[in-house]
Amino acid sequence: MKKIIYLVFLTILVSCSQEPEPIDYGNEACHFCEMTIVNPAFSAQAVSTKGKQYKYDAIECMVNDLLQKDIEMAVLKVADHSRPGSMIDAEKAAFIINDSIKSPMGANLAALKRSEVSPNNESGMVLTWAELNDHFLQKDSVITNY
């Protein structure tokens, strides 16, 4: 009986983890738009303080979804565009908006490590995480449904 109680407790403890789970590209759907997540250069993910996983096929999906939610997130990760499959902290990323970037949902948006983006970047608009959220709000870019 003690083993069963221990296993139940352990399962509950593990299921509340705030660690992001790997994205299963080609098999998981975006939490916001429900499209299959296929491109590791544009994906994003969030984990709530309660451990709920949110996975997205594009950074713009995560921004739009979070702008509509009142949920405290413990983890916000975005794909490092220069290293597809590698995730970086959204708060430490530089977000580039440029017509030459073809992100899945058409926002022409990608993320890089801030250290890899020069202050005089001529490759497009460069924003921090907070500025990106403001940009989506100011441009009425928030998508409520597809």
C-alpha atoms as a PDB file:
ATOM      1  CA  MET A   1       0.000   0.000   0.000  1.00  0.00           C
ATOM      2  CA  LYS A   2       2.851   2.381   0.802  1.00  0.00           C
ATOM      3  CA  LYS A   3       4.336   1.746  -2.644  1.00  0.00           C
ATOM      4  CA  ILE A   4       1.067   2.713  -4.348  1.00  0.00           C
ATOM      5  CA  ILE A   5       0.790   5.926  -2.314  1.00  0.00           C
ATOM      6  CA  TYR A   6       4.423   6.728  -3.094  1.00  0.00           C
ATOM      7  CA  LEU A   7       3.904   6.139  -6.827  1.00  0.00           C
ATOM      8  CA  VAL A   8       0.772   8.320  -6.880  1.00  0.00           C
ATOM      9  CA  PHE A   9       2.609  11.097  -5.027  1.00  0.00           C
ATOM     10  CA  LEU A  10       5.598  10.822  -7.367  1.00  0.00           C
ATOM     11  CA  THR A  11       3.333  10.955 -10.443  1.00  0.00           C
ATOM     12  CA  ILE A  12       1.604  14.084  -9.155  1.00  0.00           C
ATOM     13  CA  LEU A  13       4.922  15.706  -8.335  1.00  0.00           C
ATOM     14  CA  VAL A  14       6.381  14.966 -11.776  1.00  0.00           C
ATOM     15  CA  SER A  15       3.230  16.126 -13.596  1.00  0.00           C
ATOM     16  CA  CYS A  16       3.518  19.581 -11.949  1.00  0.00           C
ATOM     17  CA  SER A  17       7.043  20.196 -13.231  1.00  0.00           C
ATOM     18  CA  GLN A  18       7.797  23.587 -14.702  1.00  0.00           C
ATOM     19  CA  GLU A  19      10.438  22.104 -16.995  1.00  0.00           C
ATOM     20  CA  PRO A  20       9.523  22.413 -20.688  1.00  0.00           C
ATOM     21  CA  GLU A  21       8.945  19.109 -22.428  1.00  0.00           C
ATOM     22  CA  PRO A  22      10.574  18.623 -25.842  1.00  0.00           C
ATOM     23  CA  ILE A  23       8.361  19.414 -28.827  1.00  0.00           C
ATOM     24  CA  ASP A  24       7.560  16.361 -30.954  1.00  0.00           C
ATOM     25  CA  TYR A  25       7.902  18.043 -34.369  1.00  0.00           C
ATOM     26  CA  GLY A  26       5.518  16.715 -36.981  1.00  0.00           C
ATOM     27  CA  ASN A  27       3.243  15.113 -34.372  1.00  0.00           C
ATOM     28  CA  GLU A  28       2.124  17.820 -31.921  1.00  0.00           C
ATOM     29  CA  ALA A  29      -0.379  20.574 -32.641  1.00  0.00           C
ATOM     30  CA  CYS A  30       0.017  24.245 -31.824  1.00  0.00           C
ATOM     31  CA  HIS A  31      -1.926  25.179 -28.694  1.00  0.00           C
ATOM     32  CA  PHE A  32      -3.195  28.370 -30.373  1.00  0.00           C
ATOM     33  CA  CYS A  33      -3.848  27.701 -34.074  1.00  0.00           C
ATOM     34  CA  GLU A  34      -3.944  23.870 -33.904  1.00  0.00           C
ATOM     35  CA  MET A  35      -1.621  23.485 -36.904  1.00  0.00           C
ATOM     36  CA  THR A  36       1.012  20.756 -36.664  1.00  0.00           C
ATOM     37  CA  ILE A  37       4.313  22.037 -35.278  1.00  0.00           C
ATOM     38  CA  VAL A  38       6.872  21.221 -37.951  1.00  0.00           C
ATOM     39  CA  ASN A  39       9.531  23.934 -38.180  1.00  0.00           C
ATOM     40  CA  PRO A  40      12.076  23.969 -35.323  1.00  0.00           C
ATOM     41  CA  ALA A  41      13.350  27.412 -36.413  1.00  0.00           C
ATOM     42  CA  PHE A  42      10.100  29.181 -35.440  1.00  0.00           C
ATOM     43  CA  SER A  43       8.492  27.172 -32.611  1.00  0.00           C
ATOM     44  CA  ALA A  44       7.870  28.383 -29.067  1.00  0.00           C
ATOM     45  CA  GLN A  45       6.660  27.014 -25.766  1.00  0.00           C
ATOM     46  CA  ALA A  46       5.446  28.137 -22.382  1.00  0.00           C
ATOM     47  CA  VAL A  47       4.971  26.363 -19.078  1.00  0.00           C
ATOM     48  CA  SER A  48       2.569  27.742 -16.483  1.00  0.00           C
ATOM     49  CA  THR A  49       3.472  28.017 -12.817  1.00  0.00           C
ATOM     50  CA  LYS A  50       1.186  24.993 -12.324  1.00  0.00           C
ATOM     51  CA  GLY A  51       3.177  22.955 -14.876  1.00  0.00           C
ATOM     52  CA  LYS A  52       0.762  23.073 -17.837  1.00  0.00           C
ATOM     53  CA  GLN A  53       2.626  22.816 -21.148  1.00  0.00           C
ATOM     54  CA  TYR A  54       1.787  25.102 -24.096  1.00  0.00           C
ATOM     55  CA  LYS A  55       3.532  24.434 -27.407  1.00  0.00           C
ATOM     56  CA  TYR A  56       3.329  26.636 -30.500  1.00  0.00           C
ATOM     57  CA  ASP A  57       4.249  26.360 -34.167  1.00  0.00           C
ATOM     58  CA  ALA A  58       5.260  30.038 -34.289  1.00  0.00           C
ATOM     59  CA  ILE A  59       6.347  32.766 -31.893  1.00  0.00           C
ATOM     60  CA  GLU A  60       3.416  34.897 -33.065  1.00  0.00           C
ATOM     61  CA  CYS A  61       1.032  32.151 -31.925  1.00  0.00           C
ATOM     62  CA  MET A  62       2.552  32.216 -28.443  1.00  0.00           C
ATOM     63  CA  VAL A  63       2.375  36.021 -28.257  1.00  0.00           C
ATOM     64  CA  ASN A  64      -1.249  36.082 -29.417  1.00  0.00           C
ATOM     65  CA  ASP A  65      -2.251  33.269 -27.070  1.00  0.00           C
ATOM     66  CA  LEU A  66      -0.566  34.779 -24.015  1.00  0.00           C
ATOM     67  CA  LEU A  67      -2.044  38.217 -24.697  1.00  0.00           C
ATOM     68  CA  GLN A  68      -5.472  36.583 -24.413  1.00  0.00           C
ATOM     69  CA  LYS A  69      -4.743  34.557 -21.258  1.00  0.00           C
ATOM     70  CA  ASP A  70      -4.533  35.566 -17.642  1.00  0.00           C
ATOM     71  CA  ILE A  71      -2.184  32.752 -16.651  1.00  0.00           C
ATOM     72  CA  GLU A  72       1.147  33.211 -14.919  1.00  0.00           C
ATOM     73  CA  MET A  73       3.908  31.523 -16.886  1.00  0.00           C
ATOM     74  CA  ALA A  74       7.042  30.130 -15.283  1.00  0.00           C
ATOM     75  CA  VAL A  75       8.866  29.438 -18.553  1.00  0.00           C
ATOM     76  CA  LEU A  76       8.781  31.172 -21.941  1.00  0.00           C
ATOM     77  CA  LYS A  77      11.019  29.679 -24.631  1.00  0.00           C
ATOM     78  CA  VAL A  78      11.410  30.508 -28.313  1.00  0.00           C
ATOM     79  CA  ALA A  79      13.303  28.777 -31.092  1.00  0.00           C
ATOM     80  CA  ASP A  80      16.751  30.159 -31.822  1.00  0.00           C
ATOM     81  CA  HIS A  81      16.373  30.838 -35.552  1.00  0.00           C
ATOM     82  CA  SER A  82      20.107  30.417 -36.163  1.00  0.00           C
ATOM     83  CA  ARG A  83      20.087  27.016 -34.401  1.00  0.00           C
ATOM     84  CA  PRO A  84      16.809  25.248 -35.275  1.00  0.00           C
ATOM     85  CA  GLY A  85      15.718  22.919 -32.507  1.00  0.00           C
ATOM     86  CA  SER A  86      17.495  24.939 -29.828  1.00  0.00           C
ATOM     87  CA  MET A  87      15.295  26.998 -27.498  1.00  0.00           C
ATOM     88  CA  ILE A  88      16.238  30.244 -25.732  1.00  0.00           C
ATOM     89  CA  ASP A  89      14.577  32.222 -22.957  1.00  0.00           C
ATOM     90  CA  ALA A  90      12.130  34.708 -24.505  1.00  0.00           C
ATOM     91  CA  GLU A  91      13.207  37.404 -22.035  1.00  0.00           C
ATOM     92  CA  LYS A  92      16.802  37.088 -23.278  1.00  0.00           C
ATOM     93  CA  ALA A  93      16.010  36.914 -26.994  1.00  0.00           C
ATOM     94  CA  ALA A  94      16.047  39.545 -29.700  1.00  0.00           C
ATOM     95  CA  PHE A  95      13.035  39.354 -32.017  1.00  0.00           C
ATOM     96  CA  ILE A  96      13.475  40.331 -35.631  1.00  0.00           C
ATOM     97  CA  ILE A  97      10.601  41.270 -37.911  1.00  0.00           C
ATOM     98  CA  ASN A  98      11.586  41.327 -41.563  1.00  0.00           C
ATOM     99  CA  ASP A  99       9.744  40.562 -44.802  1.00  0.00           C
ATOM    100  CA  SER A 100      12.476  38.076 -45.750  1.00  0.00           C
ATOM    101  CA  ILE A 101      11.597  35.888 -42.738  1.00  0.00           C
ATOM    102  CA  LYS A 102       8.772  33.502 -43.585  1.00  0.00           C
ATOM    103  CA  SER A 103       7.418  32.406 -40.216  1.00  0.00           C
ATOM    104  CA  PRO A 104       4.539  29.892 -40.235  1.00  0.00           C
ATOM    105  CA  MET A 105       1.717  32.336 -39.457  1.00  0.00           C
ATOM    106  CA  GLY A 106       2.946  35.229 -41.594  1.00  0.00           C
ATOM    107  CA  ALA A 107       4.267  37.668 -38.978  1.00  0.00           C
ATOM    108  CA  ASN A 108       7.761  37.521 -40.548  1.00  0.00           C
ATOM    109  CA  LEU A 109       9.131  36.962 -37.048  1.00  0.00           C
ATOM    110  CA  ALA A 110      12.155  35.088 -35.712  1.00  0.00           C
ATOM    111  CA  ALA A 111      14.215  35.071 -32.517  1.00  0.00           C
ATOM    112  CA  LEU A 112      17.958  35.098 -31.972  1.00  0.00           C
ATOM    113  CA  LYS A 113      20.230  35.418 -28.964  1.00  0.00           C
ATOM    114  CA  ARG A 114      20.640  39.129 -28.217  1.00  0.00           C
ATOM    115  CA  SER A 115      24.421  38.755 -28.394  1.00  0.00           C
ATOM    116  CA  GLU A 116      24.076  37.769 -32.069  1.00  0.00           C
ATOM    117  CA  VAL A 117      22.176  40.898 -33.097  1.00  0.00           C
ATOM    118  CA  SER A 118      24.046  44.156 -33.566  1.00  0.00           C
ATOM    119  CA  PRO A 119      22.453  47.391 -32.281  1.00  0.00           C
ATOM    120  CA  ASN A 120      22.647  48.837 -35.805  1.00  0.00           C
ATOM    121  CA  ASN A 121      20.926  45.834 -37.327  1.00  0.00           C
ATOM    122  CA  GLU A 122      19.760  46.557 -40.844  1.00  0.00           C
ATOM    123  CA  SER A 123      17.944  43.263 -41.257  1.00  0.00           C
ATOM    124  CA  GLY A 124      14.644  44.524 -39.894  1.00  0.00           C
ATOM    125  CA  MET A 125      12.901  45.677 -36.739  1.00  0.00           C
ATOM    126  CA  VAL A 126      14.602  44.341 -33.589  1.00  0.00           C
ATOM    127  CA  LEU A 127      12.509  44.067 -30.417  1.00  0.00           C
ATOM    128  CA  THR A 128      12.758  42.722 -26.879  1.00  0.00           C
ATOM    129  CA  TRP A 129      10.065  40.385 -25.523  1.00  0.00           C
ATOM    130  CA  ALA A 130       8.202  43.288 -23.871  1.00  0.00           C
ATOM    131  CA  GLU A 131       8.464  45.405 -27.020  1.00  0.00           C
ATOM    132  CA  LEU A 132       7.199  42.498 -29.138  1.00  0.00           C
ATOM    133  CA  ASN A 133       4.116  42.167 -26.958  1.00  0.00           C
ATOM    134  CA  ASP A 134       3.513  45.931 -27.175  1.00  0.00           C
ATOM    135  CA  HIS A 135       3.990  45.779 -30.952  1.00  0.00           C
ATOM    136  CA  PHE A 136       1.290  43.124 -31.284  1.00  0.00           C
ATOM    137  CA  LEU A 137      -1.076  45.122 -29.075  1.00  0.00           C
ATOM    138  CA  GLN A 138      -0.442  48.450 -30.849  1.00  0.00           C
ATOM    139  CA  LYS A 139      -0.786  47.012 -34.334  1.00  0.00           C
ATOM    140  CA  ASP A 140      -4.020  45.255 -33.409  1.00  0.00           C
ATOM    141  CA  SER A 141      -2.107  42.166 -34.449  1.00  0.00           C
ATOM    142  CA  VAL A 142      -3.761  39.960 -31.866  1.00  0.00           C
ATOM    143  CA  ILE A 143      -5.525  37.182 -33.711  1.00  0.00           C
ATOM    144  CA  THR A 144      -8.620  35.936 -31.916  1.00  0.00           C
ATOM    145  CA  ASN A 145      -9.317  32.964 -34.169  1.00  0.00           C
ATOM    146  CA  TYR A 146      -8.396  31.433 -37.510  1.00  0.00           C
END
